Amino acid sequence: MDLFTTDLISPLLASVFIVLAGFTSFFSAAFGAGGGLMLLVVMASFMPMTLVVPVHGLVQLGSNTNRLLLTFKHIDKRMFIYFTLGGSAGAILSSFVIVDIQLDAMKLIAGLFVIYLLWGKIPTALQSSSVVWRFFSGFVTTFISMFVGASGPLVGSCLHMSNYSKLRFTATFSGIMSVQHLFKAGVYAAVGFSFWQWLPLVGAMILSGALGTWLGVRLLHRIPTEKFKCIFKCILTLLALQLAWQGFEVIFN
């Protein structure tokens, strides 16, 4: 286990992270989203956020890529393309301000944004079928993901508006999240973060996540579409409330 340890990570904690990566990947594959934020919360309990965000992003890149490979034929290619174009603009902007953004304020904004997309009325000009909406969503969610860490609830709430089938949602969500985490890795590498010492642990977590993803996709095939959408919306709402509360508590206390 020494291969997976660092000055901050003991062998026991490394084992916990590896097992948890598998469970959270299973959860995201089976129920649409939520696993990434669960993993982020646990990792943030033991590591500073300056390390958690880039390391967690690399693990999630592997997890979402695995899920994409298993569901690729169902992806909405137009949504993926415009989301990616918007995301590239958001990533470029974030690289200029990444050291100046107040993390807790972004958590509050992200949580409220998710809740509004799930339960609010969206202007006609920003309906999910419009190019403007897809580009704007990619831009905003990628920008915020650089500071919040787990942007799954943000992306999931945007895709929720398209009323996808469960497999089309999972494929499109996984593709977009893979690109966002790739952007994140690039931005953090550009500002000087060294990933090398974390690669053994990240690699083990990705392998564990691959197993969890495979099991989760098998369960996904058995869940009725309407039940999947209901579970997904409830999970996102709870995660958004928790995220907003974290930001509110620090900013206003």
C-alpha atoms as a PDB file:
ATOM      1  CA  MET A   1       0.000   0.000   0.000  1.00  0.00           C
ATOM      2  CA  ASP A   2       2.993   2.345   0.324  1.00  0.00           C
ATOM      3  CA  LEU A   3       2.741   2.970  -3.423  1.00  0.00           C
ATOM      4  CA  PHE A   4      -0.606   4.722  -2.889  1.00  0.00           C
ATOM      5  CA  THR A   5       0.405   6.865   0.099  1.00  0.00           C
ATOM      6  CA  THR A   6       1.702  10.428   0.374  1.00  0.00           C
ATOM      7  CA  ASP A   7       2.550  12.701   3.282  1.00  0.00           C
ATOM      8  CA  LEU A   8      -1.182  13.339   3.695  1.00  0.00           C
ATOM      9  CA  ILE A   9      -2.562   9.868   2.908  1.00  0.00           C
ATOM     10  CA  SER A  10      -2.042   6.861   5.196  1.00  0.00           C
ATOM     11  CA  PRO A  11      -2.385   3.261   3.918  1.00  0.00           C
ATOM     12  CA  LEU A  12      -5.772   2.974   5.673  1.00  0.00           C
ATOM     13  CA  LEU A  13      -7.067   6.210   4.172  1.00  0.00           C
ATOM     14  CA  ALA A  14      -5.826   5.189   0.726  1.00  0.00           C
ATOM     15  CA  SER A  15      -7.788   1.920   1.059  1.00  0.00           C
ATOM     16  CA  VAL A  16     -10.915   3.853   2.052  1.00  0.00           C
ATOM     17  CA  PHE A  17     -10.571   6.168  -0.957  1.00  0.00           C
ATOM     18  CA  ILE A  18     -10.109   3.232  -3.363  1.00  0.00           C
ATOM     19  CA  VAL A  19     -13.186   1.364  -2.082  1.00  0.00           C
ATOM     20  CA  LEU A  20     -15.242   4.570  -1.986  1.00  0.00           C
ATOM     21  CA  ALA A  21     -14.317   5.376  -5.598  1.00  0.00           C
ATOM     22  CA  GLY A  22     -15.935   2.086  -6.639  1.00  0.00           C
ATOM     23  CA  PHE A  23     -19.088   2.681  -4.606  1.00  0.00           C
ATOM     24  CA  THR A  24     -19.594   6.277  -5.774  1.00  0.00           C
ATOM     25  CA  SER A  25     -19.045   5.284  -9.423  1.00  0.00           C
ATOM     26  CA  PHE A  26     -21.675   2.576  -8.989  1.00  0.00           C
ATOM     27  CA  PHE A  27     -24.062   5.163  -7.518  1.00  0.00           C
ATOM     28  CA  SER A  28     -23.577   7.639 -10.377  1.00  0.00           C
ATOM     29  CA  ALA A  29     -23.954   4.953 -13.038  1.00  0.00           C
ATOM     30  CA  ALA A  30     -27.125   3.536 -11.500  1.00  0.00           C
ATOM     31  CA  PHE A  31     -28.892   6.749 -10.493  1.00  0.00           C
ATOM     32  CA  GLY A  32     -27.544   9.402 -12.870  1.00  0.00           C
ATOM     33  CA  ALA A  33     -25.421  11.566 -10.590  1.00  0.00           C
ATOM     34  CA  GLY A  34     -24.346  12.164  -7.015  1.00  0.00           C
ATOM     35  CA  GLY A  35     -21.375   9.857  -6.644  1.00  0.00           C
ATOM     36  CA  GLY A  36     -18.813  12.497  -7.545  1.00  0.00           C
ATOM     37  CA  LEU A  37     -20.066  14.904  -4.901  1.00  0.00           C
ATOM     38  CA  MET A  38     -20.125  12.120  -2.278  1.00  0.00           C
ATOM     39  CA  LEU A  39     -16.492  11.306  -3.038  1.00  0.00           C
ATOM     40  CA  LEU A  40     -15.562  14.994  -2.953  1.00  0.00           C
ATOM     41  CA  VAL A  41     -17.135  15.496   0.487  1.00  0.00           C
ATOM     42  CA  VAL A  42     -15.226  12.553   1.969  1.00  0.00           C
ATOM     43  CA  MET A  43     -11.903  13.540   0.398  1.00  0.00           C
ATOM     44  CA  ALA A  44     -12.351  17.140   1.566  1.00  0.00           C
ATOM     45  CA  SER A  45     -12.687  15.869   5.134  1.00  0.00           C
ATOM     46  CA  PHE A  46      -9.071  14.648   5.063  1.00  0.00           C
ATOM     47  CA  MET A  47      -7.327  16.840   2.498  1.00  0.00           C
ATOM     48  CA  PRO A  48      -7.184  20.597   1.755  1.00  0.00           C
ATOM     49  CA  MET A  49      -9.422  21.731  -1.091  1.00  0.00           C
ATOM     50  CA  THR A  50      -6.411  22.953  -3.076  1.00  0.00           C
ATOM     51  CA  LEU A  51      -5.447  19.277  -3.439  1.00  0.00           C
ATOM     52  CA  VAL A  52      -8.912  17.739  -3.454  1.00  0.00           C
ATOM     53  CA  VAL A  53     -10.249  19.570  -6.516  1.00  0.00           C
ATOM     54  CA  PRO A  54      -7.523  18.544  -9.011  1.00  0.00           C
ATOM     55  CA  VAL A  55      -7.024  14.997  -7.618  1.00  0.00           C
ATOM     56  CA  HIS A  56     -10.768  14.352  -7.411  1.00  0.00           C
ATOM     57  CA  GLY A  57     -11.127  15.709 -10.953  1.00  0.00           C
ATOM     58  CA  LEU A  58      -8.598  13.211 -12.289  1.00  0.00           C
ATOM     59  CA  VAL A  59     -10.425  10.314 -10.589  1.00  0.00           C
ATOM     60  CA  GLN A  60     -13.740  11.511 -11.982  1.00  0.00           C
ATOM     61  CA  LEU A  61     -12.226  11.818 -15.455  1.00  0.00           C
ATOM     62  CA  GLY A  62     -11.520   8.089 -15.334  1.00  0.00           C
ATOM     63  CA  SER A  63     -14.891   7.205 -13.848  1.00  0.00           C
ATOM     64  CA  ASN A  64     -16.910   9.206 -16.381  1.00  0.00           C
ATOM     65  CA  THR A  65     -14.820   7.969 -19.307  1.00  0.00           C
ATOM     66  CA  ASN A  66     -15.546   4.374 -18.269  1.00  0.00           C
ATOM     67  CA  ARG A  67     -19.269   5.128 -18.094  1.00  0.00           C
ATOM     68  CA  LEU A  68     -19.152   6.874 -21.478  1.00  0.00           C
ATOM     69  CA  LEU A  69     -17.515   3.850 -23.127  1.00  0.00           C
ATOM     70  CA  LEU A  70     -20.309   1.600 -21.840  1.00  0.00           C
ATOM     71  CA  THR A  71     -23.118   3.870 -23.081  1.00  0.00           C
ATOM     72  CA  PHE A  72     -21.546   5.815 -25.983  1.00  0.00           C
ATOM     73  CA  LYS A  73     -24.085   4.829 -28.672  1.00  0.00           C
ATOM     74  CA  HIS A  74     -26.825   6.679 -26.750  1.00  0.00           C
ATOM     75  CA  ILE A  75     -25.051  10.081 -26.529  1.00  0.00           C
ATOM     76  CA  ASP A  76     -26.711  13.289 -27.746  1.00  0.00           C
ATOM     77  CA  LYS A  77     -23.903  14.487 -30.009  1.00  0.00           C
ATOM     78  CA  ARG A  78     -25.268  18.021 -30.549  1.00  0.00           C
ATOM     79  CA  MET A  79     -25.611  18.636 -26.825  1.00  0.00           C
ATOM     80  CA  PHE A  80     -22.121  17.260 -26.254  1.00  0.00           C
ATOM     81  CA  ILE A  81     -20.541  19.449 -28.954  1.00  0.00           C
ATOM     82  CA  TYR A  82     -22.105  22.752 -27.874  1.00  0.00           C
ATOM     83  CA  PHE A  83     -21.554  21.994 -24.178  1.00  0.00           C
ATOM     84  CA  THR A  84     -17.887  21.317 -24.957  1.00  0.00           C
ATOM     85  CA  LEU A  85     -17.488  24.551 -26.926  1.00  0.00           C
ATOM     86  CA  GLY A  86     -18.987  26.525 -24.050  1.00  0.00           C
ATOM     87  CA  GLY A  87     -16.884  24.556 -21.578  1.00  0.00           C
ATOM     88  CA  SER A  88     -13.654  25.425 -23.383  1.00  0.00           C
ATOM     89  CA  ALA A  89     -14.489  29.130 -23.016  1.00  0.00           C
ATOM     90  CA  GLY A  90     -15.299  28.641 -19.319  1.00  0.00           C
ATOM     91  CA  ALA A  91     -12.019  26.778 -18.744  1.00  0.00           C
ATOM     92  CA  ILE A  92      -9.979  29.522 -20.429  1.00  0.00           C
ATOM     93  CA  LEU A  93     -11.637  32.224 -18.314  1.00  0.00           C
ATOM     94  CA  SER A  94     -11.136  30.244 -15.097  1.00  0.00           C
ATOM     95  CA  SER A  95      -7.388  29.962 -15.724  1.00  0.00           C
ATOM     96  CA  PHE A  96      -7.097  33.749 -15.328  1.00  0.00           C
ATOM     97  CA  VAL A  97      -9.056  34.031 -12.072  1.00  0.00           C
ATOM     98  CA  ILE A  98      -8.549  30.653 -10.372  1.00  0.00           C
ATOM     99  CA  VAL A  99      -6.458  32.098  -7.546  1.00  0.00           C
ATOM    100  CA  ASP A 100      -8.918  34.938  -6.841  1.00  0.00           C
ATOM    101  CA  ILE A 101     -12.320  33.190  -6.588  1.00  0.00           C
ATOM    102  CA  GLN A 102     -13.887  32.737  -3.150  1.00  0.00           C
ATOM    103  CA  LEU A 103     -14.724  29.021  -2.979  1.00  0.00           C
ATOM    104  CA  ASP A 104     -17.611  29.173  -0.519  1.00  0.00           C
ATOM    105  CA  ALA A 105     -19.445  31.850  -2.505  1.00  0.00           C
ATOM    106  CA  MET A 106     -19.251  29.587  -5.549  1.00  0.00           C
ATOM    107  CA  LYS A 107     -20.812  26.726  -3.553  1.00  0.00           C
ATOM    108  CA  LEU A 108     -23.822  28.882  -2.674  1.00  0.00           C
ATOM    109  CA  ILE A 109     -24.233  30.079  -6.260  1.00  0.00           C
ATOM    110  CA  ALA A 110     -23.898  26.550  -7.638  1.00  0.00           C
ATOM    111  CA  GLY A 111     -26.474  25.114  -5.209  1.00  0.00           C
ATOM    112  CA  LEU A 112     -29.055  27.805  -5.957  1.00  0.00           C
ATOM    113  CA  PHE A 113     -28.419  27.447  -9.709  1.00  0.00           C
ATOM    114  CA  VAL A 114     -29.176  23.714  -9.569  1.00  0.00           C
ATOM    115  CA  ILE A 115     -32.371  24.193  -7.554  1.00  0.00           C
ATOM    116  CA  TYR A 116     -33.625  26.845  -9.980  1.00  0.00           C
ATOM    117  CA  LEU A 117     -32.970  24.650 -13.008  1.00  0.00           C
ATOM    118  CA  LEU A 118     -34.794  21.730 -11.383  1.00  0.00           C
ATOM    119  CA  TRP A 119     -37.838  23.587 -10.085  1.00  0.00           C
ATOM    120  CA  GLY A 120     -37.913  27.068 -11.657  1.00  0.00           C
ATOM    121  CA  LYS A 121     -39.281  28.392 -14.957  1.00  0.00           C
ATOM    122  CA  ILE A 122     -36.603  28.756 -17.631  1.00  0.00           C
ATOM    123  CA  PRO A 123     -36.894  31.638 -20.147  1.00  0.00           C
ATOM    124  CA  THR A 124     -37.863  30.533 -23.663  1.00  0.00           C
ATOM    125  CA  ALA A 125     -34.561  31.813 -25.097  1.00  0.00           C
ATOM    126  CA  LEU A 126     -32.707  29.413 -22.803  1.00  0.00           C
ATOM    127  CA  GLN A 127     -34.655  26.220 -23.451  1.00  0.00           C
ATOM    128  CA  SER A 128     -32.551  23.066 -23.581  1.00  0.00           C
ATOM    129  CA  SER A 129     -32.968  22.697 -27.351  1.00  0.00           C
ATOM    130  CA  SER A 130     -31.378  26.075 -28.166  1.00  0.00           C
ATOM    131  CA  VAL A 131     -27.727  26.487 -29.134  1.00  0.00           C
ATOM    132  CA  VAL A 132     -27.462  29.484 -26.790  1.00  0.00           C
ATOM    133  CA  TRP A 133     -28.598  27.438 -23.818  1.00  0.00           C
ATOM    134  CA  ARG A 134     -26.228  24.563 -24.549  1.00  0.00           C
ATOM    135  CA  PHE A 135     -23.226  26.840 -25.010  1.00  0.00           C
ATOM    136  CA  PHE A 136     -24.140  28.929 -21.950  1.00  0.00           C
ATOM    137  CA  SER A 137     -24.608  25.816 -19.801  1.00  0.00           C
ATOM    138  CA  GLY A 138     -21.233  24.437 -20.846  1.00  0.00           C
ATOM    139  CA  PHE A 139     -19.567  27.761 -20.109  1.00  0.00           C
ATOM    140  CA  VAL A 140     -21.114  28.249 -16.652  1.00  0.00           C
ATOM    141  CA  THR A 141     -20.829  24.677 -15.382  1.00  0.00           C
ATOM    142  CA  THR A 142     -17.203  24.277 -16.505  1.00  0.00           C
ATOM    143  CA  PHE A 143     -16.216  27.614 -14.965  1.00  0.00           C
ATOM    144  CA  ILE A 144     -17.851  26.759 -11.627  1.00  0.00           C
ATOM    145  CA  SER A 145     -16.449  23.214 -11.626  1.00  0.00           C
ATOM    146  CA  MET A 146     -12.913  24.607 -11.380  1.00  0.00           C
ATOM    147  CA  PHE A 147     -13.680  25.907  -7.895  1.00  0.00           C
ATOM    148  CA  VAL A 148     -16.513  23.755  -6.522  1.00  0.00           C
ATOM    149  CA  GLY A 149     -14.933  20.448  -7.555  1.00  0.00           C
ATOM    150  CA  ALA A 150     -17.973  18.280  -8.306  1.00  0.00           C
ATOM    151  CA  SER A 151     -20.010  19.845 -11.097  1.00  0.00           C
ATOM    152  CA  GLY A 152     -22.219  16.773 -11.604  1.00  0.00           C
ATOM    153  CA  PRO A 153     -25.316  18.343 -10.013  1.00  0.00           C
ATOM    154  CA  LEU A 154     -24.874  21.430 -12.217  1.00  0.00           C
ATOM    155  CA  VAL A 155     -24.525  19.484 -15.454  1.00  0.00           C
ATOM    156  CA  GLY A 156     -27.231  17.019 -14.422  1.00  0.00           C
ATOM    157  CA  SER A 157     -29.729  19.791 -13.735  1.00  0.00           C
ATOM    158  CA  CYS A 158     -29.060  21.280 -17.200  1.00  0.00           C
ATOM    159  CA  LEU A 159     -29.547  17.930 -18.929  1.00  0.00           C
ATOM    160  CA  HIS A 160     -32.638  17.187 -16.822  1.00  0.00           C
ATOM    161  CA  MET A 161     -34.479  19.842 -18.845  1.00  0.00           C
ATOM    162  CA  SER A 162     -34.056  17.777 -22.035  1.00  0.00           C
ATOM    163  CA  ASN A 163     -36.205  14.936 -20.689  1.00  0.00           C
ATOM    164  CA  TYR A 164     -33.776  12.282 -21.915  1.00  0.00           C
ATOM    165  CA  SER A 165     -34.264   8.544 -21.573  1.00  0.00           C
ATOM    166  CA  LYS A 166     -32.091   7.092 -18.804  1.00  0.00           C
ATOM    167  CA  LEU A 167     -29.400   5.698 -21.132  1.00  0.00           C
ATOM    168  CA  ARG A 168     -29.283   8.833 -23.307  1.00  0.00           C
ATOM    169  CA  PHE A 169     -28.943  10.930 -20.172  1.00  0.00           C
ATOM    170  CA  THR A 170     -26.174   8.738 -18.737  1.00  0.00           C
ATOM    171  CA  ALA A 171     -24.179   8.727 -21.991  1.00  0.00           C
ATOM    172  CA  THR A 172     -24.491  12.497 -22.563  1.00  0.00           C
ATOM    173  CA  PHE A 173     -23.804  13.320 -18.914  1.00  0.00           C
ATOM    174  CA  SER A 174     -20.730  11.065 -18.857  1.00  0.00           C
ATOM    175  CA  GLY A 175     -19.345  12.563 -22.072  1.00  0.00           C
ATOM    176  CA  ILE A 176     -19.747  16.139 -20.852  1.00  0.00           C
ATOM    177  CA  MET A 177     -18.299  15.366 -17.428  1.00  0.00           C
ATOM    178  CA  SER A 178     -15.300  13.608 -19.008  1.00  0.00           C
ATOM    179  CA  VAL A 179     -14.503  16.730 -21.026  1.00  0.00           C
ATOM    180  CA  GLN A 180     -15.009  19.043 -18.040  1.00  0.00           C
ATOM    181  CA  HIS A 181     -12.631  17.038 -15.869  1.00  0.00           C
ATOM    182  CA  LEU A 182     -10.116  16.960 -18.726  1.00  0.00           C
ATOM    183  CA  PHE A 183     -10.322  20.762 -18.904  1.00  0.00           C
ATOM    184  CA  LYS A 184      -9.878  20.913 -15.128  1.00  0.00           C
ATOM    185  CA  ALA A 185      -6.739  18.766 -15.250  1.00  0.00           C
ATOM    186  CA  GLY A 186      -5.332  21.022 -17.966  1.00  0.00           C
ATOM    187  CA  VAL A 187      -6.054  24.247 -16.065  1.00  0.00           C
ATOM    188  CA  TYR A 188      -4.550  22.993 -12.801  1.00  0.00           C
ATOM    189  CA  ALA A 189      -1.483  21.642 -14.602  1.00  0.00           C
ATOM    190  CA  ALA A 190      -1.089  25.018 -16.307  1.00  0.00           C
ATOM    191  CA  VAL A 191      -1.100  26.892 -12.979  1.00  0.00           C
ATOM    192  CA  GLY A 192       1.528  24.580 -11.525  1.00  0.00           C
ATOM    193  CA  PHE A 193      -0.207  21.645  -9.806  1.00  0.00           C
ATOM    194  CA  SER A 194       1.942  18.485  -9.852  1.00  0.00           C
ATOM    195  CA  PHE A 195      -0.129  15.355 -10.450  1.00  0.00           C
ATOM    196  CA  TRP A 196       2.775  12.856 -10.526  1.00  0.00           C
ATOM    197  CA  GLN A 197       2.864  11.833  -6.856  1.00  0.00           C
ATOM    198  CA  TRP A 198      -0.893  11.212  -6.920  1.00  0.00           C
ATOM    199  CA  LEU A 199      -1.005   9.025 -10.031  1.00  0.00           C
ATOM    200  CA  PRO A 200      -0.695   5.593  -8.289  1.00  0.00           C
ATOM    201  CA  LEU A 201      -3.596   6.358  -5.927  1.00  0.00           C
ATOM    202  CA  VAL A 202      -5.641   7.941  -8.718  1.00  0.00           C
ATOM    203  CA  GLY A 203      -5.003   4.915 -10.945  1.00  0.00           C
ATOM    204  CA  ALA A 204      -6.206   2.497  -8.244  1.00  0.00           C
ATOM    205  CA  MET A 205      -9.310   4.630  -7.650  1.00  0.00           C
ATOM    206  CA  ILE A 206     -10.070   4.681 -11.383  1.00  0.00           C
ATOM    207  CA  LEU A 207      -9.827   0.864 -11.578  1.00  0.00           C
ATOM    208  CA  SER A 208     -12.144   0.543  -8.588  1.00  0.00           C
ATOM    209  CA  GLY A 209     -14.478   3.043 -10.234  1.00  0.00           C
ATOM    210  CA  ALA A 210     -14.485   1.009 -13.466  1.00  0.00           C
ATOM    211  CA  LEU A 211     -15.843  -1.998 -11.583  1.00  0.00           C
ATOM    212  CA  GLY A 212     -18.446   0.158  -9.839  1.00  0.00           C
ATOM    213  CA  THR A 213     -19.475   1.723 -13.147  1.00  0.00           C
ATOM    214  CA  TRP A 214     -19.931  -1.673 -14.806  1.00  0.00           C
ATOM    215  CA  LEU A 215     -22.163  -2.872 -11.967  1.00  0.00           C
ATOM    216  CA  GLY A 216     -24.086   0.416 -11.923  1.00  0.00           C
ATOM    217  CA  VAL A 217     -24.827   0.343 -15.655  1.00  0.00           C
ATOM    218  CA  ARG A 218     -26.156  -3.216 -15.274  1.00  0.00           C
ATOM    219  CA  LEU A 219     -28.540  -1.965 -12.565  1.00  0.00           C
ATOM    220  CA  LEU A 220     -29.465   1.052 -14.722  1.00  0.00           C
ATOM    221  CA  HIS A 221     -30.903  -1.272 -17.381  1.00  0.00           C
ATOM    222  CA  ARG A 222     -33.320  -2.674 -14.781  1.00  0.00           C
ATOM    223  CA  ILE A 223     -34.633   0.613 -13.367  1.00  0.00           C
ATOM    224  CA  PRO A 224     -37.862   1.914 -15.026  1.00  0.00           C
ATOM    225  CA  THR A 225     -37.307   5.277 -16.737  1.00  0.00           C
ATOM    226  CA  GLU A 226     -39.864   7.202 -14.662  1.00  0.00           C
ATOM    227  CA  LYS A 227     -38.471   5.861 -11.413  1.00  0.00           C
ATOM    228  CA  PHE A 228     -34.959   6.763 -12.584  1.00  0.00           C
ATOM    229  CA  LYS A 229     -36.028  10.374 -13.299  1.00  0.00           C
ATOM    230  CA  CYS A 230     -37.763  10.705  -9.923  1.00  0.00           C
ATOM    231  CA  ILE A 231     -34.788   9.303  -7.985  1.00  0.00           C
ATOM    232  CA  PHE A 232     -32.400  11.464  -9.968  1.00  0.00           C
ATOM    233  CA  LYS A 233     -34.329  14.693  -9.328  1.00  0.00           C
ATOM    234  CA  CYS A 234     -34.595  13.980  -5.595  1.00  0.00           C
ATOM    235  CA  ILE A 235     -30.871  13.199  -5.327  1.00  0.00           C
ATOM    236  CA  LEU A 236     -29.904  16.379  -7.179  1.00  0.00           C
ATOM    237  CA  THR A 237     -32.183  18.531  -5.025  1.00  0.00           C
ATOM    238  CA  LEU A 238     -30.704  17.167  -1.790  1.00  0.00           C
ATOM    239  CA  LEU A 239     -27.146  17.590  -3.056  1.00  0.00           C
ATOM    240  CA  ALA A 240     -27.871  21.143  -4.208  1.00  0.00           C
ATOM    241  CA  LEU A 241     -29.358  22.078  -0.831  1.00  0.00           C
ATOM    242  CA  GLN A 242     -26.336  20.630   0.951  1.00  0.00           C
ATOM    243  CA  LEU A 243     -23.945  22.491  -1.352  1.00  0.00           C
ATOM    244  CA  ALA A 244     -25.809  25.796  -0.945  1.00  0.00           C
ATOM    245  CA  TRP A 245     -25.896  25.369   2.845  1.00  0.00           C
ATOM    246  CA  GLN A 246     -22.108  24.888   2.977  1.00  0.00           C
ATOM    247  CA  GLY A 247     -21.616  28.166   1.164  1.00  0.00           C
ATOM    248  CA  PHE A 248     -24.292  30.013   3.166  1.00  0.00           C
ATOM    249  CA  GLU A 249     -22.917  28.838   6.503  1.00  0.00           C
ATOM    250  CA  VAL A 250     -19.403  30.108   5.861  1.00  0.00           C
ATOM    251  CA  ILE A 251     -20.350  33.365   4.135  1.00  0.00           C
ATOM    252  CA  PHE A 252     -22.980  34.545   6.629  1.00  0.00           C
ATOM    253  CA  ASN A 253     -21.595  33.177   9.907  1.00  0.00           C
END
